[in-house]
Amino acid sequence: MRLYIGLDVGRTIRGALIDELGAILLQRKVVSEVRSADTFLNQIVDVILRLKAEAHGPVTAAGIGWPGLVNQHANRLEATPNQIDLSSLEPYRRLREAAGLPVLFDNDANAGAYGEWRCGIAQGFSNVLYVAFGTGIGGALILGGELQRGCRGFAGEFGHFKIEVTGLECGCGSSGCLETLASGPNIVRRVRERLFSDPAFSVSQLAQDMEGTLTLERIVRAATEADELGLSVLRETAVYLGMALASAVNLLNVEMVVVGGGVMAAGELLLGPLREETMRRTIAPAAGCCRIVAGELGRDAGIVGAAMFARDANR
């Protein structure tokens, strides 16, 4: 059986050795080094080489999901707004040479979508929107049974739907983007703002975290324990996400929306209101034929999808 390596590059570099059916055989991860682009790239190489060395058999190829805009025609990273800039280092050439393997790049949301489509909850569906909510917000489209990349590979940038006429400046260079409101760091920001501006929330269990480190994980835990501030911000987040999702469903008439990423650790506390808000804002015929579901592969969707990219490109 052929073996493949899949990597998801983020603040933590996660990699896995995966068989041709999409089963994860072993995983390795390292907290990314952001002091220099060169060191960061070397850490990615190290993860690939460790997995290759531990494989019980030859590895055929590696796939990597990158956060940002990936120009597949030129094998170039055009923009990585939530990650260190590697564009000056020719990462494709360096990784291919260092790994001694065919290496395929793609956007991390495309990889997540491909993982769910080939091996997860979207198997058998032909028209799917995949959205990942984490440090940033990414999206990917499968239409007519094919992953859609657009003319340069940038299709699916769901996080940059415009939600506010005047809003915070986004890493993309614009303002008012969904990502400035509903990504993990911006959920934390909004909780902090509510704690500062509304004395009624001084009784929230999250108020005690203001002196330390307030995290998304802490907010989700508070919400599961019926903390009103945590629940309120998640409900508000669902409204922002639902507005954008409804626009996408109306435009594309997909049969399934798969949601994943770290923010979905909130589970039904977020998914339930998100589903309700999306369907309320979607035209009835389109809403009637669309399911909104949580991803089946969870945090592994991106690494499985990256490996499946490598498999399908090297058969």
Protein backbone atom coordinates (compact mmCIF):
# COMPACT_ATOMS: atom_id res chain seq x y z
CA MET A 1 0.00 0.00 0.00
CA ARG A 2 1.30 3.44 -0.91
CA LEU A 3 1.99 5.99 1.83
CA TYR A 4 1.63 9.76 1.76
CA ILE A 5 2.49 12.67 4.04
CA GLY A 6 -0.04 15.37 4.81
CA LEU A 7 0.84 18.63 6.57
CA ASP A 8 -1.27 21.44 7.98
CA VAL A 9 0.88 24.53 8.47
CA GLY A 10 -0.26 26.97 11.13
CA ARG A 11 0.91 28.18 14.51
CA THR A 12 1.46 24.51 15.11
CA ILE A 13 2.89 22.49 12.22
CA ARG A 14 0.94 19.23 12.16
CA GLY A 15 1.89 16.34 9.94
CA ALA A 16 0.79 12.75 9.48
CA LEU A 17 1.70 9.62 7.61
CA ILE A 18 -1.42 8.51 5.78
CA ASP A 19 -2.28 5.47 3.68
CA GLU A 20 -4.01 5.58 0.30
CA LEU A 21 -7.44 5.14 1.89
CA GLY A 22 -6.98 8.22 4.06
CA ALA A 23 -6.25 6.44 7.34
CA ILE A 24 -3.79 8.22 9.65
CA LEU A 25 -0.95 5.88 10.65
CA LEU A 26 1.04 8.27 12.83
CA GLN A 27 1.21 11.98 13.58
CA ARG A 28 3.91 14.46 14.51
CA LYS A 29 3.65 18.13 15.41
CA VAL A 30 5.84 21.02 16.45
CA VAL A 31 5.03 24.52 17.67
CA SER A 32 6.02 26.78 14.81
CA GLU A 33 9.07 29.00 15.10
CA VAL A 34 8.24 32.52 13.99
CA ARG A 35 11.53 34.29 14.71
CA SER A 36 12.65 33.88 11.12
CA ALA A 37 11.17 32.57 7.88
CA ASP A 38 14.21 30.37 7.32
CA THR A 39 13.90 28.65 10.71
CA PHE A 40 10.17 28.19 10.19
CA LEU A 41 10.73 26.54 6.82
CA ASN A 42 13.35 24.25 8.32
CA GLN A 43 10.84 23.13 10.95
CA ILE A 44 8.44 22.11 8.19
CA VAL A 45 11.25 20.15 6.52
CA ASP A 46 12.04 18.42 9.82
CA VAL A 47 8.43 17.26 10.27
CA ILE A 48 8.39 15.79 6.75
CA LEU A 49 11.73 14.04 7.21
CA ARG A 50 10.72 12.58 10.59
CA LEU A 51 7.54 11.13 9.13
CA LYS A 52 9.40 9.80 6.11
CA ALA A 53 12.01 8.14 8.33
CA GLU A 54 9.36 6.50 10.53
CA ALA A 55 7.34 5.10 7.64
CA HIS A 56 7.28 1.34 7.24
CA GLY A 57 7.72 1.52 3.50
CA PRO A 58 8.42 4.13 0.82
CA VAL A 59 6.52 7.42 0.89
CA THR A 60 5.13 8.39 -2.51
CA ALA A 61 4.48 12.15 -2.11
CA ALA A 62 3.66 14.92 0.35
CA GLY A 63 0.83 17.46 0.38
CA ILE A 64 0.83 20.69 2.38
CA GLY A 65 -2.08 22.92 3.31
CA TRP A 66 -1.04 26.58 3.72
CA PRO A 67 -3.06 29.40 5.27
CA GLY A 68 -3.40 32.10 2.63
CA LEU A 69 -3.38 32.48 -1.13
CA VAL A 70 -1.60 29.70 -3.02
CA ASN A 71 -0.89 30.20 -6.72
CA GLN A 72 -0.70 26.62 -7.94
CA HIS A 73 0.18 27.62 -11.49
CA ALA A 74 3.39 29.28 -10.29
CA ASN A 75 3.90 27.10 -7.16
CA ARG A 76 4.04 30.31 -5.15
CA LEU A 77 2.59 31.61 -1.89
CA GLU A 78 1.03 34.94 -2.83
CA ALA A 79 -0.16 36.01 0.62
CA THR A 80 -0.13 34.51 4.13
CA PRO A 81 -1.81 37.20 6.28
CA ASN A 82 -1.98 35.09 9.47
CA GLN A 83 1.41 33.42 9.05
CA ILE A 84 5.06 34.32 8.52
CA ASP A 85 5.94 35.38 4.96
CA LEU A 86 7.94 32.68 3.14
CA SER A 87 7.57 34.11 -0.36
CA SER A 88 11.24 35.16 -0.64
CA LEU A 89 12.54 31.66 0.17
CA GLU A 90 11.11 29.64 -2.74
CA PRO A 91 9.47 27.24 -0.29
CA TYR A 92 8.18 24.88 -2.97
CA ARG A 93 11.63 24.23 -4.42
CA ARG A 94 13.32 23.99 -1.02
CA LEU A 95 10.77 21.59 0.44
CA ARG A 96 10.76 19.36 -2.64
CA GLU A 97 14.56 19.16 -2.67
CA ALA A 98 14.91 18.67 1.10
CA ALA A 99 12.19 16.01 1.29
CA GLY A 100 13.29 14.13 -1.82
CA LEU A 101 9.60 13.76 -2.71
CA PRO A 102 7.02 15.26 -5.03
CA VAL A 103 5.42 18.04 -2.97
CA LEU A 104 2.03 19.62 -3.64
CA PHE A 105 0.85 22.93 -2.15
CA ASP A 106 -2.71 24.10 -1.69
CA ASN A 107 -4.71 26.42 0.49
CA ASP A 108 -5.45 24.91 3.91
CA ALA A 109 -9.23 25.30 3.53
CA ASN A 110 -9.06 23.52 0.16
CA ALA A 111 -7.20 20.71 1.93
CA GLY A 112 -9.84 20.54 4.67
CA ALA A 113 -12.63 20.43 2.10
CA TYR A 114 -10.87 17.75 0.11
CA GLY A 115 -10.37 15.64 3.24
CA GLU A 116 -14.06 15.81 4.16
CA TRP A 117 -15.08 15.16 0.55
CA ARG A 118 -12.82 12.18 -0.04
CA CYS A 119 -12.80 10.63 3.43
CA GLY A 120 -15.31 12.41 5.65
CA ILE A 121 -18.88 13.59 5.93
CA ALA A 122 -19.14 15.04 2.40
CA GLN A 123 -18.41 11.76 0.59
CA GLY A 124 -20.93 11.26 -2.21
CA PHE A 125 -21.99 14.91 -2.45
CA SER A 126 -21.25 17.00 -5.53
CA ASN A 127 -21.96 20.56 -4.36
CA VAL A 128 -20.38 21.45 -1.03
CA LEU A 129 -19.22 24.60 0.74
CA TYR A 130 -16.56 23.99 3.37
CA VAL A 131 -15.80 26.70 5.94
CA ALA A 132 -13.08 26.56 8.60
CA PHE A 133 -13.26 28.91 11.59
CA GLY A 134 -9.99 29.22 13.46
CA THR A 135 -7.20 31.79 13.74
CA GLY A 136 -8.51 32.97 10.38
CA ILE A 137 -11.59 31.98 8.39
CA GLY A 138 -11.15 29.97 5.22
CA GLY A 139 -13.51 28.46 2.71
CA ALA A 140 -13.50 26.05 -0.20
CA LEU A 141 -15.98 25.07 -2.89
CA ILE A 142 -16.82 21.77 -4.51
CA LEU A 143 -19.23 22.35 -7.38
CA GLY A 144 -20.36 19.76 -9.90
CA GLY A 145 -18.09 17.19 -8.25
CA GLU A 146 -14.92 19.26 -8.69
CA LEU A 147 -12.89 21.42 -6.30
CA GLN A 148 -13.06 25.00 -7.55
CA ARG A 149 -9.86 27.04 -7.35
CA GLY A 150 -10.64 29.97 -9.66
CA CYS A 151 -8.29 31.41 -12.27
CA ARG A 152 -5.28 31.71 -9.93
CA GLY A 153 -6.22 29.33 -7.13
CA PHE A 154 -7.72 31.91 -4.77
CA ALA A 155 -11.40 30.89 -4.84
CA GLY A 156 -13.24 30.35 -1.56
CA GLU A 157 -11.91 33.23 0.58
CA PHE A 158 -15.03 33.13 2.71
CA GLY A 159 -13.43 35.02 5.62
CA HIS A 160 -13.31 38.16 3.50
CA PHE A 161 -17.02 38.51 2.90
CA LYS A 162 -17.84 42.11 3.86
CA ILE A 163 -20.11 42.20 6.91
CA GLU A 164 -19.71 45.82 8.06
CA VAL A 165 -19.61 48.97 5.96
CA THR A 166 -17.10 50.46 8.37
CA GLY A 167 -15.25 47.94 10.44
CA LEU A 168 -11.85 46.88 11.66
CA GLU A 169 -8.95 46.72 9.25
CA CYS A 170 -8.32 43.15 8.14
CA GLY A 171 -5.05 41.39 7.38
CA CYS A 172 -6.15 41.24 3.74
CA GLY A 173 -5.84 45.03 3.48
CA SER A 174 -9.58 45.73 3.46
CA SER A 175 -11.97 46.34 6.36
CA GLY A 176 -15.27 45.04 7.63
CA CYS A 177 -14.43 41.40 6.78
CA LEU A 178 -16.13 38.46 8.48
CA GLU A 179 -12.72 37.40 9.79
CA THR A 180 -12.43 40.61 11.86
CA LEU A 181 -15.55 39.57 13.78
CA ALA A 182 -15.83 35.78 13.91
CA SER A 183 -12.32 34.31 13.87
CA GLY A 184 -10.95 32.85 17.10
CA PRO A 185 -8.80 35.87 18.08
CA ASN A 186 -11.64 38.26 17.30
CA ILE A 187 -14.10 36.31 19.42
CA VAL A 188 -11.62 36.80 22.28
CA ARG A 189 -11.33 40.51 21.41
CA ARG A 190 -15.10 40.94 21.50
CA VAL A 191 -15.34 39.26 24.92
CA ARG A 192 -12.67 41.62 26.26
CA GLU A 193 -14.54 44.63 24.87
CA ARG A 194 -17.79 43.51 26.50
CA LEU A 195 -16.06 43.02 29.84
CA PHE A 196 -14.62 46.54 29.68
CA SER A 197 -17.79 48.26 28.45
CA ASP A 198 -20.64 46.48 30.26
CA PRO A 199 -20.52 46.33 34.09
CA ALA A 200 -23.31 43.75 34.05
CA PHE A 201 -20.77 41.17 32.92
CA SER A 202 -18.47 41.74 35.90
CA VAL A 203 -20.05 38.63 37.45
CA SER A 204 -19.03 36.52 34.45
CA GLN A 205 -16.52 33.81 35.23
CA LEU A 206 -14.54 35.20 32.27
CA ALA A 207 -13.91 38.48 34.15
CA GLN A 208 -11.32 36.77 36.31
CA ASP A 209 -9.34 35.85 33.18
CA MET A 210 -8.86 39.47 32.18
CA GLU A 211 -5.81 39.68 34.42
CA GLY A 212 -4.33 36.57 32.85
CA THR A 213 -4.78 34.93 29.47
CA LEU A 214 -8.25 34.92 28.01
CA THR A 215 -8.50 32.27 25.30
CA LEU A 216 -11.10 30.92 22.91
CA GLU A 217 -10.96 27.59 24.74
CA ARG A 218 -11.76 29.36 28.02
CA ILE A 219 -14.71 31.20 26.43
CA VAL A 220 -16.13 27.97 25.00
CA ARG A 221 -15.77 26.24 28.37
CA ALA A 222 -17.55 29.12 30.11
CA ALA A 223 -20.38 28.93 27.58
CA THR A 224 -20.79 25.19 28.20
CA GLU A 225 -21.12 26.06 31.90
CA ALA A 226 -23.98 28.50 31.08
CA ASP A 227 -21.92 31.66 31.49
CA GLU A 228 -24.10 34.40 29.99
CA LEU A 229 -21.23 36.39 28.46
CA GLY A 230 -19.77 33.33 26.76
CA LEU A 231 -23.20 32.32 25.44
CA SER A 232 -24.00 35.87 24.32
CA VAL A 233 -20.80 36.25 22.29
CA LEU A 234 -21.23 32.82 20.67
CA ARG A 235 -24.81 33.72 19.69
CA GLU A 236 -23.58 37.01 18.25
CA THR A 237 -20.86 35.14 16.37
CA ALA A 238 -23.50 32.82 14.90
CA VAL A 239 -25.36 35.87 13.53
CA TYR A 240 -22.26 37.16 11.72
CA LEU A 241 -21.46 33.71 10.35
CA GLY A 242 -25.07 33.06 9.38
CA MET A 243 -25.26 36.31 7.41
CA ALA A 244 -22.25 35.29 5.33
CA LEU A 245 -23.30 31.65 4.95
CA ALA A 246 -26.80 32.63 3.79
CA SER A 247 -25.31 34.81 1.07
CA ALA A 248 -23.09 31.94 -0.06
CA VAL A 249 -25.93 29.38 -0.06
CA ASN A 250 -28.17 31.77 -2.01
CA LEU A 251 -25.41 32.34 -4.55
CA LEU A 252 -24.21 28.77 -4.98
CA ASN A 253 -27.21 26.53 -4.18
CA VAL A 254 -24.98 23.94 -2.48
CA GLU A 255 -26.46 20.78 -0.98
CA MET A 256 -24.17 20.74 2.04
CA VAL A 257 -22.22 23.22 4.17
CA VAL A 258 -19.48 21.60 6.24
CA VAL A 259 -18.10 23.66 9.10
CA GLY A 260 -14.81 22.92 10.79
CA GLY A 261 -11.84 24.58 12.47
CA GLY A 262 -10.93 25.33 16.06
CA VAL A 263 -13.92 27.59 16.76
CA MET A 264 -16.19 24.60 16.25
CA ALA A 265 -14.96 23.21 19.54
CA ALA A 266 -18.07 25.03 20.75
CA GLY A 267 -20.14 22.32 19.04
CA GLU A 268 -23.92 22.77 19.10
CA LEU A 269 -23.60 25.94 21.19
CA LEU A 270 -22.41 27.59 17.98
CA LEU A 271 -23.63 25.20 15.28
CA GLY A 272 -27.27 25.28 16.41
CA PRO A 273 -27.66 29.10 16.31
CA LEU A 274 -25.52 29.23 13.15
CA ARG A 275 -27.78 26.75 11.37
CA GLU A 276 -30.89 28.64 12.51
CA GLU A 277 -29.52 32.04 11.46
CA THR A 278 -28.35 30.78 8.07
CA MET A 279 -31.65 29.12 7.23
CA ARG A 280 -33.62 32.17 8.39
CA ARG A 281 -31.71 34.36 5.93
CA THR A 282 -31.57 31.90 2.99
CA ILE A 283 -34.26 31.81 0.30
CA ALA A 284 -36.60 28.93 1.12
CA PRO A 285 -36.00 26.68 -1.92
CA ALA A 286 -32.21 26.85 -1.44
CA ALA A 287 -32.51 26.33 2.32
CA GLY A 288 -34.74 23.31 1.79
CA CYS A 289 -32.11 21.33 -0.09
CA CYS A 290 -29.06 22.30 2.01
CA ARG A 291 -27.70 20.61 5.13
CA ILE A 292 -25.36 22.42 7.55
CA VAL A 293 -23.18 19.93 9.39
CA ALA A 294 -20.01 19.76 11.47
CA GLY A 295 -16.99 18.19 9.82
CA GLU A 296 -16.41 14.52 10.57
CA LEU A 297 -12.61 14.63 10.53
CA GLY A 298 -12.26 17.55 12.93
CA ARG A 299 -8.76 19.00 13.17
CA ASP A 300 -7.42 16.22 10.95
CA ALA A 301 -9.40 17.29 7.86
CA GLY A 302 -6.56 19.43 6.53
CA ILE A 303 -3.79 16.86 6.89
CA VAL A 304 -5.94 14.08 5.43
CA GLY A 305 -6.96 16.32 2.55
CA ALA A 306 -3.37 17.39 1.86
CA ALA A 307 -2.30 13.74 1.70
CA MET A 308 -5.22 12.92 -0.60
CA PHE A 309 -4.15 15.80 -2.89
CA ALA A 310 -0.71 14.18 -3.03
CA ARG A 311 -2.25 10.75 -3.68
CA ASP A 312 -4.51 11.89 -6.49
CA ALA A 313 -1.78 13.93 -8.18
CA ASN A 314 0.73 11.07 -8.14
CA ARG A 315 -1.27 8.02 -9.15
